[in-house]
Amino acid sequence: MKTLIQNTRVVSPDVDLPKADILIENGIITDIAESIPITNCDNVINGAGLITAPGFIDIHCHGRSNYDFCDATDEAFNTIGHDKLSDGVTGFLATTLSVAREDLREICRCATRYQNTNHDGALLLGVHLEGPWFNPKCAGAQNPAHLLLPCLDLVDELSKLAHIVKASFSPELEGGLEFTKGLCERGIMPSGGHCEADYDCFQLHRANGMKHLTHFCNVMTPVHHLRFGMVGGGLMSDDVFVEMICDGVHLCEPMIELIARLKGPDRMMLITDAMRASGMPDGNYTLGGLPVIVKNGKATLTTGPVAGSTLRYHNGLRRLVRVTGLPLCQAIKATSWNQVLSLKLGKRGRLEKGYEADIVMLNDDLVPQRTICHGDVRWEA
């Protein structure tokens, strides 16, 4: 199968070509040039007036379209995977919540079935275990009934059922350091979050492999002039990637600007942390079995805490660009390339020869118009 994208603006990390063609063969980018002849092409796409960029990778999302991965059904995975395409997402991690063990097992079984069957959705790149290893004081919208101390036996059990890429947990908990070390030994990224870890605790875990922080700043020890906290540690550590929910709820705009200045475009990762109300109207929903109300697009538990987001991925990119003023070829790193570097997600995240043809085509307002997974056009506006 050979596809040619013609006459498009190509934006990739550190690259901004005002007019170029992209040749795709069998799902792989084989050439990018100012002009490529149409020779035995099965499909020719006119990219005039559009920005062609690496497809977005959402490494932290729970749901969309009134479905949640914790529904643990094939219908949920198929619907979320398909509808994420209209947000420009070509790859994602199915993110769990603190739920019962059997629910976690079934989520992993669904993830593997989704990966191993033909479908018309975005690519599932693995599973992100968000909990259940959280400090009860910092549970946020996680269900406190299912919280556990860090335990590798559960990780090993779930790893037999699905490809676990990342595990978020509270590093200050008993057994936390052994957990960080054990995850690294298994090729799983330990990510700090939902915690009250102090600066020294974070630095100890960082030295042992924790190079990733979950929804940075949210339910995390803040910067204080005498107690520097995990947020301070994340800002100061050049080797740590931080997740950012740029929805106007989880991070105020000055904080987005500060993170961009201190971390730079090479260590920021846009996520949605989207729950089932993403792409849906305001109303009543659930998250991990807890009741949620969405009003003016903001999701909160009925008891008050913020309960994930309703963010669609491309809107987070638009806010990041507007607030920081970053050139698009720098801001675009936060949508896929940095995720690939942090979590070793394969040869994707760049528009270059030899890379996976996971591509999003955007208009000038950064709204997706076409989404391509492994060279296959799977969604068009």
Protein backbone atom coordinates (compact mmCIF):
# COMPACT_ATOMS: atom_id res chain seq x y z
CA MET A 1 0.00 0.00 0.00
CA LYS A 2 1.47 3.35 -1.06
CA THR A 3 0.04 6.75 -0.05
CA LEU A 4 1.25 10.21 -1.06
CA ILE A 5 0.40 13.37 0.90
CA GLN A 6 0.99 16.35 -1.34
CA ASN A 7 1.56 20.06 -0.93
CA THR A 8 1.32 20.26 2.86
CA ARG A 9 3.07 22.13 5.66
CA VAL A 10 5.13 19.53 7.53
CA VAL A 11 5.67 20.20 11.24
CA SER A 12 7.77 17.76 13.27
CA PRO A 13 10.11 18.22 16.25
CA ASP A 14 12.56 21.00 15.25
CA VAL A 15 11.25 20.90 11.65
CA ASP A 16 8.81 23.24 9.88
CA LEU A 17 8.63 22.82 6.11
CA PRO A 18 6.19 25.27 4.49
CA LYS A 19 5.52 22.96 1.52
CA ALA A 20 6.43 19.30 1.14
CA ASP A 21 5.20 15.87 0.10
CA ILE A 22 5.23 12.73 2.27
CA LEU A 23 5.41 9.23 0.83
CA ILE A 24 4.09 6.34 2.90
CA GLU A 25 4.63 2.67 2.03
CA ASN A 26 3.14 -0.16 4.08
CA GLY A 27 2.57 2.09 7.05
CA ILE A 28 6.08 3.59 7.14
CA ILE A 29 7.27 7.02 5.97
CA THR A 30 9.72 6.39 3.13
CA ASP A 31 10.34 9.90 1.81
CA ILE A 32 9.74 13.57 2.56
CA ALA A 33 10.66 16.07 -0.12
CA GLU A 34 9.51 19.31 -1.71
CA SER A 35 8.03 17.31 -4.57
CA ILE A 36 7.56 13.55 -4.95
CA PRO A 37 6.29 12.12 -8.27
CA ILE A 38 3.02 10.18 -8.22
CA THR A 39 4.24 6.71 -9.16
CA ASN A 40 2.06 3.67 -8.55
CA CYS A 41 0.33 5.34 -5.60
CA ASP A 42 -2.79 3.69 -4.22
CA ASN A 43 -3.93 6.88 -2.50
CA VAL A 44 -3.11 10.57 -3.04
CA ILE A 45 -4.10 13.09 -0.35
CA ASN A 46 -4.22 16.80 -1.04
CA GLY A 47 -2.70 18.52 1.97
CA ALA A 48 -2.96 22.07 0.68
CA GLY A 49 -3.76 24.54 3.45
CA LEU A 50 -3.19 21.94 6.18
CA ILE A 51 -0.50 21.31 8.78
CA THR A 52 0.73 17.71 8.80
CA ALA A 53 2.23 16.62 12.12
CA PRO A 54 3.00 13.46 14.11
CA GLY A 55 -0.20 11.93 15.48
CA PHE A 56 -0.92 12.79 19.09
CA ILE A 57 -0.20 10.17 21.77
CA ASP A 58 -2.40 10.40 24.87
CA ILE A 59 -0.57 8.46 27.57
CA HIS A 60 -3.08 9.34 30.30
CA CYS A 61 -6.76 9.09 29.44
CA HIS A 62 -9.63 7.21 31.06
CA GLY A 63 -12.46 7.55 28.61
CA ARG A 64 -14.55 9.38 26.09
CA SER A 65 -18.05 9.42 24.61
CA ASN A 66 -19.66 8.16 27.84
CA TYR A 67 -17.34 5.13 28.07
CA ASP A 68 -14.47 4.42 30.46
CA PHE A 69 -11.71 1.83 30.17
CA CYS A 70 -12.76 0.71 33.65
CA ASP A 71 -16.08 -0.38 32.15
CA ALA A 72 -13.87 -3.31 31.12
CA THR A 73 -15.82 -4.08 27.94
CA ASP A 74 -14.76 -4.42 24.33
CA GLU A 75 -17.44 -1.89 23.41
CA ALA A 76 -15.81 0.70 25.67
CA PHE A 77 -12.35 0.16 24.17
CA ASN A 78 -13.66 0.23 20.61
CA THR A 79 -15.70 3.40 21.13
CA ILE A 80 -12.97 5.31 22.94
CA GLY A 81 -10.34 4.19 20.42
CA HIS A 82 -12.46 5.25 17.47
CA ASP A 83 -13.62 8.59 18.87
CA LYS A 84 -10.12 9.65 20.00
CA LEU A 85 -9.25 9.84 16.29
CA SER A 86 -11.33 13.00 15.92
CA ASP A 87 -9.14 14.58 18.62
CA GLY A 88 -6.03 13.90 16.50
CA VAL A 89 -4.94 10.97 18.68
CA THR A 90 -3.27 8.10 16.83
CA GLY A 91 -2.00 6.25 19.90
CA PHE A 92 -2.95 5.99 23.56
CA LEU A 93 -2.41 4.17 26.83
CA ALA A 94 -5.55 2.72 28.37
CA THR A 95 -5.45 4.24 31.85
CA THR A 96 -6.98 2.48 34.83
CA LEU A 97 -8.23 3.77 38.16
CA SER A 98 -8.11 2.39 41.69
CA VAL A 99 -10.64 -0.38 41.25
CA ALA A 100 -10.98 -4.01 42.35
CA ARG A 101 -8.33 -6.53 41.27
CA GLU A 102 -10.69 -8.50 39.06
CA ASP A 103 -11.69 -5.29 37.31
CA LEU A 104 -8.02 -4.54 36.64
CA ARG A 105 -7.57 -8.03 35.24
CA GLU A 106 -10.54 -7.63 32.89
CA ILE A 107 -9.34 -4.20 31.73
CA CYS A 108 -6.01 -5.78 30.79
CA ARG A 109 -7.76 -8.62 28.95
CA CYS A 110 -9.80 -6.05 26.98
CA ALA A 111 -6.64 -4.11 26.17
CA THR A 112 -4.95 -7.17 24.72
CA ARG A 113 -8.04 -8.11 22.70
CA TYR A 114 -8.20 -4.58 21.29
CA GLN A 115 -4.54 -4.73 20.29
CA ASN A 116 -4.88 -8.15 18.68
CA THR A 117 -8.02 -7.57 16.61
CA ASN A 118 -8.70 -5.49 13.53
CA HIS A 119 -10.40 -2.23 14.46
CA ASP A 120 -10.89 1.23 13.02
CA GLY A 121 -9.62 3.18 16.02
CA ALA A 122 -6.43 4.71 17.34
CA LEU A 123 -3.57 2.40 18.27
CA LEU A 124 -3.41 1.05 21.81
CA LEU A 125 0.26 1.27 22.83
CA GLY A 126 -0.15 -0.30 26.26
CA VAL A 127 -1.70 0.15 29.69
CA HIS A 128 -1.09 2.84 32.29
CA LEU A 129 -1.89 1.70 35.82
CA GLU A 130 -2.98 4.81 37.71
CA GLY A 131 -3.15 3.31 41.17
CA PRO A 132 -4.23 1.55 43.26
CA TRP A 133 -0.98 2.36 45.11
CA PHE A 134 -1.90 5.82 46.38
CA ASN A 135 -1.70 7.64 49.69
CA PRO A 136 -5.29 7.78 51.03
CA LYS A 137 -4.76 11.44 51.97
CA CYS A 138 -4.08 12.20 48.30
CA ALA A 139 -6.65 9.99 46.62
CA GLY A 140 -8.31 12.89 44.81
CA ALA A 141 -10.99 11.31 42.59
CA GLN A 142 -9.58 7.79 43.10
CA ASN A 143 -11.86 5.40 44.98
CA PRO A 144 -10.39 5.07 48.52
CA ALA A 145 -12.02 1.64 48.95
CA HIS A 146 -9.47 0.04 46.62
CA LEU A 147 -6.18 1.67 47.64
CA LEU A 148 -3.19 -0.58 48.38
CA LEU A 149 0.42 -0.32 49.46
CA PRO A 150 2.89 -0.79 46.58
CA CYS A 151 2.99 -4.46 45.58
CA LEU A 152 4.85 -5.95 42.64
CA ASP A 153 2.83 -9.15 42.71
CA LEU A 154 -0.18 -7.31 41.29
CA VAL A 155 2.02 -5.74 38.61
CA ASP A 156 3.37 -9.14 37.65
CA GLU A 157 -0.12 -10.61 37.55
CA LEU A 158 -1.41 -7.85 35.25
CA SER A 159 1.71 -7.95 33.08
CA LYS A 160 0.80 -11.50 32.11
CA LEU A 161 -2.47 -10.16 30.69
CA ALA A 162 -1.38 -6.94 28.96
CA HIS A 163 1.59 -4.75 28.09
CA ILE A 164 2.04 -2.47 31.12
CA VAL A 165 3.97 0.68 30.16
CA LYS A 166 3.64 2.95 33.18
CA ALA A 167 2.51 2.76 36.80
CA SER A 168 1.54 5.84 38.81
CA PHE A 169 1.84 5.65 42.60
CA SER A 170 2.69 7.58 45.77
CA PRO A 171 6.44 7.14 46.31
CA GLU A 172 6.32 8.01 50.03
CA LEU A 173 4.30 4.88 50.86
CA GLU A 174 5.86 1.93 52.67
CA GLY A 175 7.72 -0.19 50.12
CA GLY A 176 7.73 2.65 47.60
CA LEU A 177 11.45 2.62 46.81
CA GLU A 178 11.48 -1.15 46.22
CA PHE A 179 8.46 -0.62 43.97
CA THR A 180 10.31 1.98 41.89
CA LYS A 181 13.30 -0.31 41.52
CA GLY A 182 11.13 -3.31 40.68
CA LEU A 183 9.17 -1.44 38.02
CA CYS A 184 12.40 -0.31 36.35
CA GLU A 185 13.71 -3.89 36.37
CA ARG A 186 10.51 -4.90 34.54
CA GLY A 187 10.81 -2.14 31.94
CA ILE A 188 7.85 -0.22 33.37
CA MET A 189 8.14 3.52 34.03
CA PRO A 190 7.53 4.46 37.67
CA SER A 191 5.61 7.73 37.77
CA GLY A 192 5.00 9.80 40.89
CA GLY A 193 1.57 11.19 41.60
CA HIS A 194 -1.30 11.50 44.09
CA CYS A 195 1.27 11.99 46.79
CA GLU A 196 2.67 14.07 49.62
CA ALA A 197 6.29 13.07 48.92
CA ASP A 198 8.81 15.72 49.95
CA TYR A 199 11.76 16.86 47.86
CA ASP A 200 14.23 14.38 49.37
CA CYS A 201 11.86 11.47 48.81
CA PHE A 202 11.39 12.45 45.18
CA GLN A 203 15.13 12.80 44.59
CA LEU A 204 15.76 9.34 46.07
CA HIS A 205 13.19 7.81 43.70
CA ARG A 206 14.52 9.86 40.79
CA ALA A 207 18.00 8.46 41.40
CA ASN A 208 16.49 4.97 41.16
CA GLY A 209 14.56 5.49 37.94
CA MET A 210 11.49 7.66 38.51
CA LYS A 211 11.84 10.01 35.52
CA HIS A 212 8.16 10.73 34.94
CA LEU A 213 5.54 12.65 36.95
CA THR A 214 1.79 12.09 36.67
CA HIS A 215 -0.50 15.10 35.96
CA PHE A 216 2.18 17.47 37.19
CA CYS A 217 1.22 19.80 40.06
CA ASN A 218 -2.15 18.11 40.65
CA VAL A 219 -2.41 16.29 44.00
CA MET A 220 1.33 16.80 44.44
CA THR A 221 3.43 18.60 47.08
CA PRO A 222 3.81 22.19 45.84
CA VAL A 223 6.75 24.59 45.76
CA HIS A 224 7.34 26.32 49.10
CA HIS A 225 10.33 28.48 49.99
CA LEU A 226 11.18 26.19 52.91
CA ARG A 227 9.62 22.89 51.75
CA PHE A 228 10.47 22.56 48.09
CA GLY A 229 8.23 19.59 47.38
CA MET A 230 7.79 17.29 44.42
CA VAL A 231 6.70 20.09 42.08
CA GLY A 232 9.94 21.90 42.83
CA GLY A 233 11.90 18.71 42.23
CA GLY A 234 10.18 18.13 38.92
CA LEU A 235 10.88 21.68 37.76
CA MET A 236 14.56 21.44 38.72
CA SER A 237 15.29 17.99 37.26
CA ASP A 238 16.38 18.11 33.64
CA ASP A 239 15.96 14.34 33.18
CA VAL A 240 12.33 14.19 34.34
CA PHE A 241 9.33 14.36 32.00
CA VAL A 242 6.15 15.98 33.32
CA GLU A 243 2.53 15.43 32.24
CA MET A 244 0.42 18.57 31.75
CA ILE A 245 -3.38 18.87 31.58
CA CYS A 246 -3.80 22.14 29.68
CA ASP A 247 -7.57 22.44 30.06
CA GLY A 248 -7.75 25.67 32.05
CA VAL A 249 -8.86 23.73 35.14
CA HIS A 250 -5.87 21.68 36.28
CA LEU A 251 -3.17 24.28 35.53
CA CYS A 252 -3.61 28.05 35.47
CA GLU A 253 -2.06 29.78 32.49
CA PRO A 254 0.84 31.40 34.40
CA MET A 255 1.78 27.92 35.69
CA ILE A 256 1.71 26.54 32.14
CA GLU A 257 4.05 29.35 31.14
CA LEU A 258 6.35 28.72 34.10
CA ILE A 259 6.58 24.99 33.37
CA ALA A 260 7.38 25.75 29.73
CA ARG A 261 10.13 28.17 30.72
CA LEU A 262 11.77 25.88 33.27
CA LYS A 263 11.26 22.46 31.67
CA GLY A 264 11.43 23.57 28.05
CA PRO A 265 9.68 21.85 25.14
CA ASP A 266 11.84 18.72 25.48
CA ARG A 267 10.42 17.56 28.83
CA MET A 268 6.72 18.50 28.67
CA MET A 269 4.02 15.98 27.74
CA LEU A 270 0.44 16.97 27.02
CA ILE A 271 -2.18 14.58 28.38
CA THR A 272 -5.96 14.83 28.69
CA ASP A 273 -6.72 12.76 31.82
CA ALA A 274 -10.10 12.67 30.08
CA MET A 275 -12.97 10.79 31.69
CA ARG A 276 -16.14 9.47 30.08
CA ALA A 277 -17.68 12.95 29.70
CA SER A 278 -15.08 14.00 27.11
CA GLY A 279 -16.94 14.75 23.89
CA MET A 280 -20.24 14.76 25.81
CA PRO A 281 -22.55 17.48 27.16
CA ASP A 282 -22.66 18.64 30.77
CA GLY A 283 -24.49 16.31 33.11
CA ASN A 284 -24.11 13.45 35.58
CA TYR A 285 -21.44 10.79 35.05
CA THR A 286 -19.22 8.42 37.05
CA LEU A 287 -15.49 7.86 37.53
CA GLY A 288 -14.25 4.65 39.10
CA GLY A 289 -17.69 4.06 40.59
CA LEU A 290 -17.86 7.55 42.13
CA PRO A 291 -20.56 10.05 41.08
CA VAL A 292 -19.38 13.01 38.98
CA ILE A 293 -21.12 16.16 37.83
CA VAL A 294 -19.90 18.06 34.77
CA LYS A 295 -20.77 21.74 34.62
CA ASN A 296 -19.36 24.13 32.02
CA GLY A 297 -17.02 21.35 30.95
CA LYS A 298 -15.47 20.93 34.43
CA ALA A 299 -15.79 17.48 36.01
CA THR A 300 -15.94 17.20 39.80
CA LEU A 301 -16.99 14.55 42.28
CA THR A 302 -20.25 15.41 43.99
CA THR A 303 -18.08 15.76 47.13
CA GLY A 304 -16.00 18.50 45.50
CA PRO A 305 -12.63 17.27 44.12
CA VAL A 306 -11.86 17.62 40.42
CA ALA A 307 -12.53 14.28 38.69
CA GLY A 308 -10.36 14.10 35.59
CA SER A 309 -11.09 16.32 32.62
CA THR A 310 -13.33 16.60 29.58
CA LEU A 311 -10.41 17.86 27.48
CA ARG A 312 -10.06 16.91 23.84
CA TYR A 313 -6.38 16.56 22.98
CA HIS A 314 -6.02 19.21 20.28
CA ASN A 315 -7.53 21.85 22.56
CA GLY A 316 -4.69 21.27 25.02
CA LEU A 317 -2.16 21.90 22.25
CA ARG A 318 -3.95 25.09 21.22
CA ARG A 319 -3.80 26.40 24.80
CA LEU A 320 -0.12 25.48 25.16
CA VAL A 321 0.80 27.33 21.95
CA ARG A 322 -1.28 30.38 22.82
CA VAL A 323 -0.01 30.69 26.39
CA THR A 324 3.68 29.99 25.78
CA GLY A 325 4.18 31.43 22.30
CA LEU A 326 6.31 28.40 21.45
CA PRO A 327 6.89 27.79 17.72
CA LEU A 328 4.72 24.90 16.61
CA CYS A 329 7.78 22.76 15.78
CA GLN A 330 8.78 23.03 19.46
CA ALA A 331 5.32 22.74 21.02
CA ILE A 332 4.60 19.65 18.90
CA LYS A 333 7.24 17.73 20.89
CA ALA A 334 4.82 17.70 23.82
CA THR A 335 2.19 15.80 21.82
CA SER A 336 4.07 12.60 20.96
CA TRP A 337 7.87 12.71 20.70
CA ASN A 338 8.49 13.30 24.41
CA GLN A 339 6.04 10.54 25.29
CA VAL A 340 7.95 8.20 22.99
CA LEU A 341 11.27 9.12 24.61
CA SER A 342 9.98 8.74 28.15
CA LEU A 343 8.10 5.49 27.66
CA LYS A 344 9.92 3.85 24.72
CA LEU A 345 6.83 3.68 22.49
CA GLY A 346 8.55 2.67 19.26
CA LYS A 347 9.65 4.54 16.18
CA ARG A 348 6.92 7.17 16.08
CA GLY A 349 6.48 10.79 17.11
CA ARG A 350 8.46 12.28 14.21
CA LEU A 351 7.80 12.75 10.50
CA GLU A 352 10.99 11.25 9.11
CA LYS A 353 12.03 8.40 6.85
CA GLY A 354 11.70 5.07 8.61
CA TYR A 355 9.16 6.24 11.19
CA GLU A 356 5.63 4.94 11.65
CA ALA A 357 3.11 6.86 9.55
CA ASP A 358 0.99 7.90 12.54
CA ILE A 359 -0.11 11.34 11.37
CA VAL A 360 -2.60 14.11 12.10
CA MET A 361 -3.53 16.80 9.60
CA LEU A 362 -4.69 20.07 11.18
CA ASN A 363 -6.12 23.35 9.99
CA ASP A 364 -4.57 26.68 10.99
CA ASP A 365 -6.60 26.66 14.23
CA LEU A 366 -5.00 23.30 15.11
CA VAL A 367 -8.28 21.45 14.73
CA PRO A 368 -7.87 17.92 13.32
CA GLN A 369 -9.08 17.35 9.76
CA ARG A 370 -7.67 13.88 9.09
CA THR A 371 -6.09 11.19 11.27
CA ILE A 372 -3.82 8.46 9.87
CA CYS A 373 -2.67 5.37 11.79
CA HIS A 374 0.10 3.22 10.34
CA GLY A 375 -0.55 4.80 6.93
CA ASP A 376 -4.30 4.10 7.07
CA VAL A 377 -6.69 7.06 6.96
CA ARG A 378 -9.03 6.22 9.84
CA TRP A 379 -10.89 9.49 10.32
CA GLU A 380 -11.72 12.59 8.27
CA ALA A 381 -13.65 15.71 9.27
